[in-house]
Amino acid sequence: MVGRFTLDSATEFLFGKNVDSLSAGLEHTNHVSNVFVDAFSEAQSQAMLRSTLGTVWRLAEFLSDRIQKDMGVCHGFIDPILKVAFEMKRLIKESEQSTGQVCTEGGKGFLLQLPG
């Protein structure tokens, strides 16, 4: 439950979009946020294992990349959110350039407040 709240809060703060993972309920389901959290956790575990193996981790994963599948799930979840946030930022910037006025409404989220 705390992990879902953290996910909702972080996505709202960073990207201006709450992924609403708390709506999945208490039981472990195939809700997209649960799939993401599981993949993220497994990717973190694999990254930690790699760091403990040092430079020889490549030998341990010579035949298959153990983190690739989970990172694919993570990217599948995060990339659409980022795409929408970057598009919103681009539209706000274009609007500001065409009107000459700074937009004070519409874009919320840390990503939208970054310069550039």
PDB file of N, CA and C in Angstrom:
ATOM      1  N   MET A   1       0.828  -1.187   0.000  1.00  0.00           N
ATOM      2  CA  MET A   1       0.000   0.000   0.000  1.00  0.00           C
ATOM      3  C   MET A   1       0.874   1.254   0.000  1.00  0.00           C
ATOM      4  N   VAL A   2       1.939   1.236   0.798  1.00  0.00           N
ATOM      5  CA  VAL A   2       2.840   2.382   0.856  1.00  0.00           C
ATOM      6  C   VAL A   2       3.554   2.565  -0.490  1.00  0.00           C
ATOM      7  N   GLY A   3       3.918   1.441  -1.110  1.00  0.00           N
ATOM      8  CA  GLY A   3       4.570   1.509  -2.418  1.00  0.00           C
ATOM      9  C   GLY A   3       3.666   2.122  -3.468  1.00  0.00           C
ATOM     10  N   ARG A   4       2.392   1.779  -3.433  1.00  0.00           N
ATOM     11  CA  ARG A   4       1.436   2.348  -4.395  1.00  0.00           C
ATOM     12  C   ARG A   4       1.246   3.846  -4.158  1.00  0.00           C
ATOM     13  N   PHE A   5       1.141   4.226  -2.884  1.00  0.00           N
ATOM     14  CA  PHE A   5       1.005   5.653  -2.569  1.00  0.00           C
ATOM     15  C   PHE A   5       2.228   6.414  -3.061  1.00  0.00           C
ATOM     16  N   THR A   6       3.416   5.834  -2.844  1.00  0.00           N
ATOM     17  CA  THR A   6       4.655   6.462  -3.302  1.00  0.00           C
ATOM     18  C   THR A   6       4.657   6.591  -4.817  1.00  0.00           C
ATOM     19  N   LEU A   7       4.222   5.557  -5.512  1.00  0.00           N
ATOM     20  CA  LEU A   7       4.153   5.593  -6.976  1.00  0.00           C
ATOM     21  C   LEU A   7       3.198   6.680  -7.448  1.00  0.00           C
ATOM     22  N   ASP A   8       2.014   6.744  -6.849  1.00  0.00           N
ATOM     23  CA  ASP A   8       1.045   7.779  -7.225  1.00  0.00           C
ATOM     24  C   ASP A   8       1.585   9.175  -6.946  1.00  0.00           C
ATOM     25  N   SER A   9       2.176   9.365  -5.776  1.00  0.00           N
ATOM     26  CA  SER A   9       2.706  10.675  -5.401  1.00  0.00           C
ATOM     27  C   SER A   9       3.860  11.095  -6.305  1.00  0.00           C
ATOM     28  N   ALA A  10       4.757  10.163  -6.575  1.00  0.00           N
ATOM     29  CA  ALA A  10       5.924  10.482  -7.401  1.00  0.00           C
ATOM     30  C   ALA A  10       5.523  10.830  -8.819  1.00  0.00           C
ATOM     31  N   THR A  11       4.610  10.067  -9.413  1.00  0.00           N
ATOM     32  CA  THR A  11       4.207  10.371 -10.794  1.00  0.00           C
ATOM     33  C   THR A  11       3.431  11.681 -10.864  1.00  0.00           C
ATOM     34  N   GLU A  12       2.634  11.966  -9.844  1.00  0.00           N
ATOM     35  CA  GLU A  12       1.912  13.244  -9.813  1.00  0.00           C
ATOM     36  C   GLU A  12       2.890  14.410  -9.707  1.00  0.00           C
ATOM     37  N   PHE A  13       3.874  14.287  -8.822  1.00  0.00           N
ATOM     38  CA  PHE A  13       4.845  15.357  -8.619  1.00  0.00           C
ATOM     39  C   PHE A  13       5.748  15.535  -9.839  1.00  0.00           C
ATOM     40  N   LEU A  14       6.279  14.446 -10.347  1.00  0.00           N
ATOM     41  CA  LEU A  14       7.261  14.539 -11.430  1.00  0.00           C
ATOM     42  C   LEU A  14       6.639  14.839 -12.786  1.00  0.00           C
ATOM     43  N   PHE A  15       5.531  14.178 -13.092  1.00  0.00           N
ATOM     44  CA  PHE A  15       4.990  14.241 -14.446  1.00  0.00           C
ATOM     45  C   PHE A  15       3.635  14.915 -14.542  1.00  0.00           C
ATOM     46  N   GLY A  16       3.045  15.264 -13.386  1.00  0.00           N
ATOM     47  CA  GLY A  16       1.734  15.905 -13.411  1.00  0.00           C
ATOM     48  C   GLY A  16       0.617  14.926 -13.709  1.00  0.00           C
ATOM     49  N   LYS A  17       0.881  13.629 -13.574  1.00  0.00           N
ATOM     50  CA  LYS A  17      -0.132  12.602 -13.856  1.00  0.00           C
ATOM     51  C   LYS A  17      -0.073  11.534 -12.782  1.00  0.00           C
ATOM     52  N   ASN A  18      -1.161  11.373 -12.064  1.00  0.00           N
ATOM     53  CA  ASN A  18      -1.279  10.332 -11.051  1.00  0.00           C
ATOM     54  C   ASN A  18      -1.671   9.041 -11.760  1.00  0.00           C
ATOM     55  N   VAL A  19      -0.897   7.983 -11.592  1.00  0.00           N
ATOM     56  CA  VAL A  19      -1.201   6.716 -12.271  1.00  0.00           C
ATOM     57  C   VAL A  19      -2.294   5.925 -11.556  1.00  0.00           C
ATOM     58  N   ASP A  20      -2.751   6.418 -10.419  1.00  0.00           N
ATOM     59  CA  ASP A  20      -3.893   5.857  -9.698  1.00  0.00           C
ATOM     60  C   ASP A  20      -3.711   4.383  -9.358  1.00  0.00           C
ATOM     61  N   SER A  21      -2.535   4.035  -8.865  1.00  0.00           N
ATOM     62  CA  SER A  21      -2.275   2.639  -8.519  1.00  0.00           C
ATOM     63  C   SER A  21      -3.041   2.199  -7.278  1.00  0.00           C
ATOM     64  N   LEU A  22      -3.454   3.148  -6.443  1.00  0.00           N
ATOM     65  CA  LEU A  22      -4.227   2.788  -5.248  1.00  0.00           C
ATOM     66  C   LEU A  22      -5.597   2.222  -5.603  1.00  0.00           C
ATOM     67  N   SER A  23      -6.062   2.483  -6.811  1.00  0.00           N
ATOM     68  CA  SER A  23      -7.363   1.960  -7.223  1.00  0.00           C
ATOM     69  C   SER A  23      -7.328   0.461  -7.486  1.00  0.00           C
ATOM     70  N   ALA A  24      -6.145  -0.150  -7.486  1.00  0.00           N
ATOM     71  CA  ALA A  24      -6.021  -1.579  -7.771  1.00  0.00           C
ATOM     72  C   ALA A  24      -6.592  -2.449  -6.654  1.00  0.00           C
ATOM     73  N   GLY A  25      -6.801  -1.894  -5.476  1.00  0.00           N
ATOM     74  CA  GLY A  25      -7.311  -2.680  -4.357  1.00  0.00           C
ATOM     75  C   GLY A  25      -6.184  -3.323  -3.577  1.00  0.00           C
ATOM     76  N   LEU A  26      -6.541  -4.019  -2.529  1.00  0.00           N
ATOM     77  CA  LEU A  26      -5.534  -4.602  -1.646  1.00  0.00           C
ATOM     78  C   LEU A  26      -4.953  -5.910  -2.158  1.00  0.00           C
ATOM     79  N   GLU A  27      -5.754  -6.716  -2.840  1.00  0.00           N
ATOM     80  CA  GLU A  27      -5.232  -7.989  -3.321  1.00  0.00           C
ATOM     81  C   GLU A  27      -4.294  -7.760  -4.503  1.00  0.00           C
ATOM     82  N   HIS A  28      -3.355  -8.671  -4.647  1.00  0.00           N
ATOM     83  CA  HIS A  28      -2.353  -8.544  -5.715  1.00  0.00           C
ATOM     84  C   HIS A  28      -2.990  -8.993  -7.028  1.00  0.00           C
ATOM     85  N   THR A  29      -3.210  -8.058  -7.919  1.00  0.00           N
ATOM     86  CA  THR A  29      -3.857  -8.350  -9.201  1.00  0.00           C
ATOM     87  C   THR A  29      -2.897  -8.046 -10.340  1.00  0.00           C
ATOM     88  N   ASN A  30      -3.386  -8.189 -11.544  1.00  0.00           N
ATOM     89  CA  ASN A  30      -2.590  -7.857 -12.727  1.00  0.00           C
ATOM     90  C   ASN A  30      -2.785  -6.399 -13.138  1.00  0.00           C
ATOM     91  N   HIS A  31      -3.175  -5.567 -12.197  1.00  0.00           N
ATOM     92  CA  HIS A  31      -3.289  -4.133 -12.478  1.00  0.00           C
ATOM     93  C   HIS A  31      -1.934  -3.648 -12.981  1.00  0.00           C
ATOM     94  N   VAL A  32      -1.962  -2.759 -13.948  1.00  0.00           N
ATOM     95  CA  VAL A  32      -0.727  -2.310 -14.604  1.00  0.00           C
ATOM     96  C   VAL A  32       0.293  -1.763 -13.604  1.00  0.00           C
ATOM     97  N   SER A  33      -0.175  -1.124 -12.555  1.00  0.00           N
ATOM     98  CA  SER A  33       0.762  -0.590 -11.568  1.00  0.00           C
ATOM     99  C   SER A  33       1.436  -1.709 -10.780  1.00  0.00           C
ATOM    100  N   ASN A  34       0.706  -2.797 -10.503  1.00  0.00           N
ATOM    101  CA  ASN A  34       1.315  -3.935  -9.809  1.00  0.00           C
ATOM    102  C   ASN A  34       2.370  -4.600 -10.681  1.00  0.00           C
ATOM    103  N   VAL A  35       2.073  -4.729 -11.953  1.00  0.00           N
ATOM    104  CA  VAL A  35       3.033  -5.320 -12.887  1.00  0.00           C
ATOM    105  C   VAL A  35       4.295  -4.459 -12.934  1.00  0.00           C
ATOM    106  N   PHE A  36       4.101  -3.125 -12.972  1.00  0.00           N
ATOM    107  CA  PHE A  36       5.245  -2.213 -12.983  1.00  0.00           C
ATOM    108  C   PHE A  36       6.062  -2.342 -11.694  1.00  0.00           C
ATOM    109  N   VAL A  37       5.385  -2.319 -10.542  1.00  0.00           N
ATOM    110  CA  VAL A  37       6.090  -2.381  -9.257  1.00  0.00           C
ATOM    111  C   VAL A  37       6.869  -3.683  -9.142  1.00  0.00           C
ATOM    112  N   ASP A  38       6.283  -4.793  -9.565  1.00  0.00           N
ATOM    113  CA  ASP A  38       6.989  -6.073  -9.518  1.00  0.00           C
ATOM    114  C   ASP A  38       8.222  -6.053 -10.421  1.00  0.00           C
ATOM    115  N   ALA A  39       8.066  -5.538 -11.641  1.00  0.00           N
ATOM    116  CA  ALA A  39       9.188  -5.476 -12.574  1.00  0.00           C
ATOM    117  C   ALA A  39      10.273  -4.541 -12.073  1.00  0.00           C
ATOM    118  N   PHE A  40       9.872  -3.403 -11.515  1.00  0.00           N
ATOM    119  CA  PHE A  40      10.835  -2.440 -10.988  1.00  0.00           C
ATOM    120  C   PHE A  40      11.629  -3.052  -9.833  1.00  0.00           C
ATOM    121  N   SER A  41      10.922  -3.743  -8.947  1.00  0.00           N
ATOM    122  CA  SER A  41      11.569  -4.386  -7.807  1.00  0.00           C
ATOM    123  C   SER A  41      12.553  -5.456  -8.273  1.00  0.00           C
ATOM    124  N   GLU A  42      12.153  -6.259  -9.243  1.00  0.00           N
ATOM    125  CA  GLU A  42      13.036  -7.303  -9.753  1.00  0.00           C
ATOM    126  C   GLU A  42      14.245  -6.693 -10.465  1.00  0.00           C
ATOM    127  N   ALA A  43      14.032  -5.620 -11.219  1.00  0.00           N
ATOM    128  CA  ALA A  43      15.153  -4.944 -11.888  1.00  0.00           C
ATOM    129  C   ALA A  43      16.137  -4.380 -10.858  1.00  0.00           C
ATOM    130  N   GLN A  44      15.611  -3.827  -9.776  1.00  0.00           N
ATOM    131  CA  GLN A  44      16.488  -3.334  -8.707  1.00  0.00           C
ATOM    132  C   GLN A  44      17.294  -4.473  -8.090  1.00  0.00           C
ATOM    133  N   SER A  45      16.652  -5.602  -7.873  1.00  0.00           N
ATOM    134  CA  SER A  45      17.352  -6.756  -7.303  1.00  0.00           C
ATOM    135  C   SER A  45      18.457  -7.240  -8.226  1.00  0.00           C
ATOM    136  N   GLN A  46      18.152  -7.287  -9.526  1.00  0.00           N
ATOM    137  CA  GLN A  46      19.160  -7.719 -10.496  1.00  0.00           C
ATOM    138  C   GLN A  46      20.314  -6.720 -10.571  1.00  0.00           C
ATOM    139  N   ALA A  47      20.005  -5.441 -10.492  1.00  0.00           N
ATOM    140  CA  ALA A  47      21.054  -4.411 -10.517  1.00  0.00           C
ATOM    141  C   ALA A  47      21.938  -4.524  -9.281  1.00  0.00           C
ATOM    142  N   MET A  48      21.311  -4.826  -8.134  1.00  0.00           N
ATOM    143  CA  MET A  48      22.083  -5.001  -6.911  1.00  0.00           C
ATOM    144  C   MET A  48      22.990  -6.233  -7.025  1.00  0.00           C
ATOM    145  N   LEU A  49      22.462  -7.303  -7.599  1.00  0.00           N
ATOM    146  CA  LEU A  49      23.272  -8.503  -7.804  1.00  0.00           C
ATOM    147  C   LEU A  49      24.457  -8.198  -8.718  1.00  0.00           C
ATOM    148  N   ARG A  50      24.197  -7.442  -9.779  1.00  0.00           N
ATOM    149  CA  ARG A  50      25.283  -7.053 -10.676  1.00  0.00           C
ATOM    150  C   ARG A  50      26.366  -6.280  -9.922  1.00  0.00           C
ATOM    151  N   SER A  51      25.947  -5.383  -9.044  1.00  0.00           N
ATOM    152  CA  SER A  51      26.940  -4.575  -8.330  1.00  0.00           C
ATOM    153  C   SER A  51      27.760  -5.429  -7.362  1.00  0.00           C
ATOM    154  N   THR A  52      27.154  -6.465  -6.794  1.00  0.00           N
ATOM    155  CA  THR A  52      27.919  -7.330  -5.896  1.00  0.00           C
ATOM    156  C   THR A  52      28.892  -8.221  -6.660  1.00  0.00           C
ATOM    157  N   LEU A  53      28.564  -8.530  -7.908  1.00  0.00           N
ATOM    158  CA  LEU A  53      29.458  -9.354  -8.724  1.00  0.00           C
ATOM    159  C   LEU A  53      30.612  -8.549  -9.315  1.00  0.00           C
ATOM    160  N   GLY A  54      30.464  -7.254  -9.301  1.00  0.00           N
ATOM    161  CA  GLY A  54      31.510  -6.388  -9.854  1.00  0.00           C
ATOM    162  C   GLY A  54      31.569  -6.510 -11.368  1.00  0.00           C
ATOM    163  N   THR A  55      32.759  -6.459 -11.911  1.00  0.00           N
ATOM    164  CA  THR A  55      32.917  -6.446 -13.375  1.00  0.00           C
ATOM    165  C   THR A  55      32.659  -7.806 -14.019  1.00  0.00           C
ATOM    166  N   VAL A  56      32.543  -8.853 -13.225  1.00  0.00           N
ATOM    167  CA  VAL A  56      32.302 -10.182 -13.799  1.00  0.00           C
ATOM    168  C   VAL A  56      30.810 -10.488 -13.987  1.00  0.00           C
ATOM    169  N   TRP A  57      29.935  -9.535 -13.713  1.00  0.00           N
ATOM    170  CA  TRP A  57      28.504  -9.786 -13.867  1.00  0.00           C
ATOM    171  C   TRP A  57      28.161 -10.161 -15.300  1.00  0.00           C
ATOM    172  N   ARG A  58      28.932  -9.663 -16.254  1.00  0.00           N
ATOM    173  CA  ARG A  58      28.670  -9.982 -17.661  1.00  0.00           C
ATOM    174  C   ARG A  58      28.840 -11.485 -17.931  1.00  0.00           C
ATOM    175  N   LEU A  59      29.759 -12.105 -17.227  1.00  0.00           N
ATOM    176  CA  LEU A  59      29.950 -13.548 -17.378  1.00  0.00           C
ATOM    177  C   LEU A  59      28.746 -14.317 -16.826  1.00  0.00           C
ATOM    178  N   ALA A  60      28.194 -13.835 -15.732  1.00  0.00           N
ATOM    179  CA  ALA A  60      27.030 -14.490 -15.132  1.00  0.00           C
ATOM    180  C   ALA A  60      25.802 -14.377 -16.027  1.00  0.00           C
ATOM    181  N   GLU A  61      25.773 -13.353 -16.869  1.00  0.00           N
ATOM    182  CA  GLU A  61      24.636 -13.142 -17.770  1.00  0.00           C
ATOM    183  C   GLU A  61      25.064 -13.286 -19.228  1.00  0.00           C
ATOM    184  N   PHE A  62      26.008 -14.152 -19.470  1.00  0.00           N
ATOM    185  CA  PHE A  62      26.548 -14.313 -20.817  1.00  0.00           C
ATOM    186  C   PHE A  62      25.480 -14.754 -21.817  1.00  0.00           C
ATOM    187  N   LEU A  63      24.614 -15.668 -21.426  1.00  0.00           N
ATOM    188  CA  LEU A  63      23.613 -16.201 -22.344  1.00  0.00           C
ATOM    189  C   LEU A  63      22.326 -15.381 -22.395  1.00  0.00           C
ATOM    190  N   SER A  64      22.016 -14.698 -21.318  1.00  0.00           N
ATOM    191  CA  SER A  64      20.791 -13.885 -21.322  1.00  0.00           C
ATOM    192  C   SER A  64      20.928 -12.718 -20.359  1.00  0.00           C
ATOM    193  N   ASP A  65      20.331 -11.621 -20.733  1.00  0.00           N
ATOM    194  CA  ASP A  65      20.315 -10.407 -19.915  1.00  0.00           C
ATOM    195  C   ASP A  65      19.139 -10.514 -18.947  1.00  0.00           C
ATOM    196  N   ARG A  66      19.410 -10.718 -17.678  1.00  0.00           N
ATOM    197  CA  ARG A  66      18.352 -10.952 -16.690  1.00  0.00           C
ATOM    198  C   ARG A  66      17.514  -9.713 -16.384  1.00  0.00           C
ATOM    199  N   ILE A  67      18.009  -8.563 -16.697  1.00  0.00           N
ATOM    200  CA  ILE A  67      17.307  -7.325 -16.337  1.00  0.00           C
ATOM    201  C   ILE A  67      16.476  -6.779 -17.498  1.00  0.00           C
ATOM    202  N   GLN A  68      16.743  -7.241 -18.710  1.00  0.00           N
ATOM    203  CA  GLN A  68      16.127  -6.677 -19.914  1.00  0.00           C
ATOM    204  C   GLN A  68      14.601  -6.796 -19.915  1.00  0.00           C
ATOM    205  N   LYS A  69      14.071  -7.958 -19.562  1.00  0.00           N
ATOM    206  CA  LYS A  69      12.620  -8.154 -19.571  1.00  0.00           C
ATOM    207  C   LYS A  69      11.933  -7.190 -18.612  1.00  0.00           C
ATOM    208  N   ASP A  70      12.463  -7.093 -17.396  1.00  0.00           N
ATOM    209  CA  ASP A  70      11.855  -6.206 -16.400  1.00  0.00           C
ATOM    210  C   ASP A  70      11.985  -4.739 -16.793  1.00  0.00           C
ATOM    211  N   MET A  71      13.108  -4.370 -17.370  1.00  0.00           N
ATOM    212  CA  MET A  71      13.277  -2.986 -17.827  1.00  0.00           C
ATOM    213  C   MET A  71      12.315  -2.682 -18.973  1.00  0.00           C
ATOM    214  N   GLY A  72      12.014  -3.670 -19.800  1.00  0.00           N
ATOM    215  CA  GLY A  72      11.025  -3.482 -20.859  1.00  0.00           C
ATOM    216  C   GLY A  72       9.650  -3.163 -20.290  1.00  0.00           C
ATOM    217  N   VAL A  73       9.282  -3.867 -19.220  1.00  0.00           N
ATOM    218  CA  VAL A  73       8.006  -3.592 -18.543  1.00  0.00           C
ATOM    219  C   VAL A  73       8.019  -2.186 -17.961  1.00  0.00           C
ATOM    220  N   CYS A  74       9.125  -1.812 -17.313  1.00  0.00           N
ATOM    221  CA  CYS A  74       9.241  -0.476 -16.719  1.00  0.00           C
ATOM    222  C   CYS A  74       9.135   0.608 -17.795  1.00  0.00           C
ATOM    223  N   HIS A  75       9.848   0.424 -18.882  1.00  0.00           N
ATOM    224  CA  HIS A  75       9.788   1.414 -19.970  1.00  0.00           C
ATOM    225  C   HIS A  75       8.395   1.472 -20.583  1.00  0.00           C
ATOM    226  N   GLY A  76       7.732   0.322 -20.702  1.00  0.00           N
ATOM    227  CA  GLY A  76       6.375   0.307 -21.234  1.00  0.00           C
ATOM    228  C   GLY A  76       5.405   1.093 -20.372  1.00  0.00           C
ATOM    229  N   PHE A  77       5.670   1.146 -19.083  1.00  0.00           N
ATOM    230  CA  PHE A  77       4.821   1.892 -18.152  1.00  0.00           C
ATOM    231  C   PHE A  77       5.180   3.372 -18.132  1.00  0.00           C
ATOM    232  N   ILE A  78       6.473   3.680 -18.111  1.00  0.00           N
ATOM    233  CA  ILE A  78       6.939   5.051 -17.923  1.00  0.00           C
ATOM    234  C   ILE A  78       6.942   5.864 -19.220  1.00  0.00           C
ATOM    235  N   ASP A  79       7.339   5.252 -20.325  1.00  0.00           N
ATOM    236  CA  ASP A  79       7.503   5.995 -21.579  1.00  0.00           C
ATOM    237  C   ASP A  79       6.239   6.733 -22.036  1.00  0.00           C
ATOM    238  N   PRO A  80       5.043   6.113 -21.986  1.00  0.00           N
ATOM    239  CA  PRO A  80       3.847   6.885 -22.374  1.00  0.00           C
ATOM    240  C   PRO A  80       3.589   8.097 -21.481  1.00  0.00           C
ATOM    241  N   ILE A  81       3.877   7.962 -20.187  1.00  0.00           N
ATOM    242  CA  ILE A  81       3.699   9.087 -19.266  1.00  0.00           C
ATOM    243  C   ILE A  81       4.671  10.205 -19.625  1.00  0.00           C
ATOM    244  N   LEU A  82       5.919   9.837 -19.892  1.00  0.00           N
ATOM    245  CA  LEU A  82       6.921  10.831 -20.291  1.00  0.00           C
ATOM    246  C   LEU A  82       6.565  11.479 -21.622  1.00  0.00           C
ATOM    247  N   LYS A  83       6.063  10.693 -22.549  1.00  0.00           N
ATOM    248  CA  LYS A  83       5.692  11.220 -23.861  1.00  0.00           C
ATOM    249  C   LYS A  83       4.621  12.302 -23.730  1.00  0.00           C
ATOM    250  N   VAL A  84       3.616  12.030 -22.919  1.00  0.00           N
ATOM    251  CA  VAL A  84       2.552  13.020 -22.699  1.00  0.00           C
ATOM    252  C   VAL A  84       3.108  14.261 -22.011  1.00  0.00           C
ATOM    253  N   ALA A  85       3.972  14.077 -21.018  1.00  0.00           N
ATOM    254  CA  ALA A  85       4.544  15.216 -20.281  1.00  0.00           C
ATOM    255  C   ALA A  85       5.415  16.081 -21.200  1.00  0.00           C
ATOM    256  N   PHE A  86       6.247  15.437 -22.019  1.00  0.00           N
ATOM    257  CA  PHE A  86       7.092  16.203 -22.938  1.00  0.00           C
ATOM    258  C   PHE A  86       6.257  16.917 -24.002  1.00  0.00           C
ATOM    259  N   GLU A  87       5.198  16.284 -24.464  1.00  0.00           N
ATOM    260  CA  GLU A  87       4.319  16.921 -25.447  1.00  0.00           C
ATOM    261  C   GLU A  87       3.627  18.131 -24.829  1.00  0.00           C
ATOM    262  N   MET A  88       3.182  17.992 -23.589  1.00  0.00           N
ATOM    263  CA  MET A  88       2.551  19.117 -22.883  1.00  0.00           C
ATOM    264  C   MET A  88       3.548  20.261 -22.730  1.00  0.00           C
ATOM    265  N   LYS A  89       4.776  19.934 -22.389  1.00  0.00           N
ATOM    266  CA  LYS A  89       5.807  20.953 -22.231  1.00  0.00           C
ATOM    267  C   LYS A  89       6.066  21.662 -23.552  1.00  0.00           C
ATOM    268  N   ARG A  90       6.114  20.898 -24.648  1.00  0.00           N
ATOM    269  CA  ARG A  90       6.343  21.480 -25.966  1.00  0.00           C
ATOM    270  C   ARG A  90       5.199  22.424 -26.351  1.00  0.00           C
ATOM    271  N   LEU A  91       3.967  22.005 -26.093  1.00  0.00           N
ATOM    272  CA  LEU A  91       2.807  22.838 -26.423  1.00  0.00           C
ATOM    273  C   LEU A  91       2.789  24.128 -25.606  1.00  0.00           C
ATOM    274  N   ILE A  92       3.146  24.032 -24.329  1.00  0.00           N
ATOM    275  CA  ILE A  92       3.195  25.225 -23.479  1.00  0.00           C
ATOM    276  C   ILE A  92       4.259  26.184 -23.997  1.00  0.00           C
ATOM    277  N   LYS A  93       5.414  25.661 -24.363  1.00  0.00           N
ATOM    278  CA  LYS A  93       6.502  26.495 -24.865  1.00  0.00           C
ATOM    279  C   LYS A  93       6.107  27.172 -26.174  1.00  0.00           C
ATOM    280  N   GLU A  94       5.464  26.421 -27.065  1.00  0.00           N
ATOM    281  CA  GLU A  94       5.011  27.003 -28.325  1.00  0.00           C
ATOM    282  C   GLU A  94       3.983  28.099 -28.081  1.00  0.00           C
ATOM    283  N   SER A  95       3.090  27.858 -27.142  1.00  0.00           N
ATOM    284  CA  SER A  95       2.063  28.845 -26.810  1.00  0.00           C
ATOM    285  C   SER A  95       2.694  30.117 -26.257  1.00  0.00           C
ATOM    286  N   GLU A  96       3.686  29.952 -25.393  1.00  0.00           N
ATOM    287  CA  GLU A  96       4.362  31.114 -24.819  1.00  0.00           C
ATOM    288  C   GLU A  96       5.099  31.901 -25.901  1.00  0.00           C
ATOM    289  N   GLN A  97       5.716  31.210 -26.847  1.00  0.00           N
ATOM    290  CA  GLN A  97       6.452  31.890 -27.911  1.00  0.00           C
ATOM    291  C   GLN A  97       5.515  32.623 -28.863  1.00  0.00           C
ATOM    292  N   SER A  98       4.366  32.026 -29.149  1.00  0.00           N
ATOM    293  CA  SER A  98       3.450  32.654 -30.093  1.00  0.00           C
ATOM    294  C   SER A  98       2.694  33.840 -29.483  1.00  0.00           C
ATOM    295  N   THR A  99       2.404  33.759 -28.170  1.00  0.00           N
ATOM    296  CA  THR A  99       1.659  34.845 -27.531  1.00  0.00           C
ATOM    297  C   THR A  99       2.562  35.855 -26.854  1.00  0.00           C
ATOM    298  N   GLY A 100       3.785  35.459 -26.551  1.00  0.00           N
ATOM    299  CA  GLY A 100       4.703  36.349 -25.839  1.00  0.00           C
ATOM    300  C   GLY A 100       4.404  36.446 -24.359  1.00  0.00           C
ATOM    301  N   GLN A 101       3.487  35.608 -23.872  1.00  0.00           N
ATOM    302  CA  GLN A 101       3.133  35.612 -22.459  1.00  0.00           C
ATOM    303  C   GLN A 101       3.533  34.288 -21.829  1.00  0.00           C
ATOM    304  N   VAL A 102       3.923  34.359 -20.580  1.00  0.00           N
ATOM    305  CA  VAL A 102       4.290  33.154 -19.847  1.00  0.00           C
ATOM    306  C   VAL A 102       3.020  32.464 -19.381  1.00  0.00           C
ATOM    307  N   CYS A 103       2.908  31.190 -19.670  1.00  0.00           N
ATOM    308  CA  CYS A 103       1.752  30.394 -19.268  1.00  0.00           C
ATOM    309  C   CYS A 103       1.858  30.089 -17.778  1.00  0.00           C
ATOM    310  N   THR A 104       0.841  30.448 -17.021  1.00  0.00           N
ATOM    311  CA  THR A 104       0.844  30.186 -15.579  1.00  0.00           C
ATOM    312  C   THR A 104      -0.116  29.074 -15.206  1.00  0.00           C
ATOM    313  N   GLU A 105      -0.869  28.558 -16.188  1.00  0.00           N
ATOM    314  CA  GLU A 105      -1.822  27.488 -15.922  1.00  0.00           C
ATOM    315  C   GLU A 105      -1.556  26.331 -16.863  1.00  0.00           C
ATOM    316  N   GLY A 106      -2.185  25.219 -16.583  1.00  0.00           N
ATOM    317  CA  GLY A 106      -2.137  24.084 -17.492  1.00  0.00           C
ATOM    318  C   GLY A 106      -1.088  23.057 -17.146  1.00  0.00           C
ATOM    319  N   GLY A 107       0.154  23.458 -17.026  1.00  0.00           N
ATOM    320  CA  GLY A 107       1.207  22.486 -16.795  1.00  0.00           C
ATOM    321  C   GLY A 107       1.567  22.363 -15.338  1.00  0.00           C
ATOM    322  N   LYS A 108       1.345  21.196 -14.787  1.00  0.00           N
ATOM    323  CA  LYS A 108       1.800  20.965 -13.432  1.00  0.00           C
ATOM    324  C   LYS A 108       2.718  19.756 -13.468  1.00  0.00           C
ATOM    325  N   GLY A 109       3.565  19.668 -12.510  1.00  0.00           N
ATOM    326  CA  GLY A 109       4.539  18.600 -12.470  1.00  0.00           C
ATOM    327  C   GLY A 109       5.942  19.152 -12.583  1.00  0.00           C
ATOM    328  N   PHE A 110       6.847  18.513 -11.917  1.00  0.00           N
ATOM    329  CA  PHE A 110       8.248  18.962 -11.878  1.00  0.00           C
ATOM    330  C   PHE A 110       8.849  19.028 -13.268  1.00  0.00           C
ATOM    331  N   LEU A 111       8.588  18.033 -14.089  1.00  0.00           N
ATOM    332  CA  LEU A 111       9.150  17.977 -15.433  1.00  0.00           C
ATOM    333  C   LEU A 111       8.760  19.206 -16.257  1.00  0.00           C
ATOM    334  N   LEU A 112       7.542  19.669 -16.091  1.00  0.00           N
ATOM    335  CA  LEU A 112       7.072  20.824 -16.862  1.00  0.00           C
ATOM    336  C   LEU A 112       7.686  22.126 -16.381  1.00  0.00           C
ATOM    337  N   GLN A 113       8.217  22.129 -15.168  1.00  0.00           N
ATOM    338  CA  GLN A 113       8.802  23.353 -14.620  1.00  0.00           C
ATOM    339  C   GLN A 113      10.279  23.497 -14.952  1.00  0.00           C
ATOM    340  N   LEU A 114      10.901  22.451 -15.466  1.00  0.00           N
ATOM    341  CA  LEU A 114      12.305  22.501 -15.816  1.00  0.00           C
ATOM    342  C   LEU A 114      12.526  23.377 -17.049  1.00  0.00           C
ATOM    343  N   PRO A 115      13.587  24.148 -17.085  1.00  0.00           N
ATOM    344  CA  PRO A 115      13.836  24.987 -18.270  1.00  0.00           C
ATOM    345  C   PRO A 115      14.245  24.137 -19.456  1.00  0.00           C
ATOM    346  N   GLY A 116      13.999  24.701 -20.643  1.00  0.00           N
ATOM    347  CA  GLY A 116      14.456  24.023 -21.868  1.00  0.00           C
ATOM    348  C   GLY A 116      13.410  23.381 -22.605  1.00  0.00           C
TER     349      GLY A 116
END
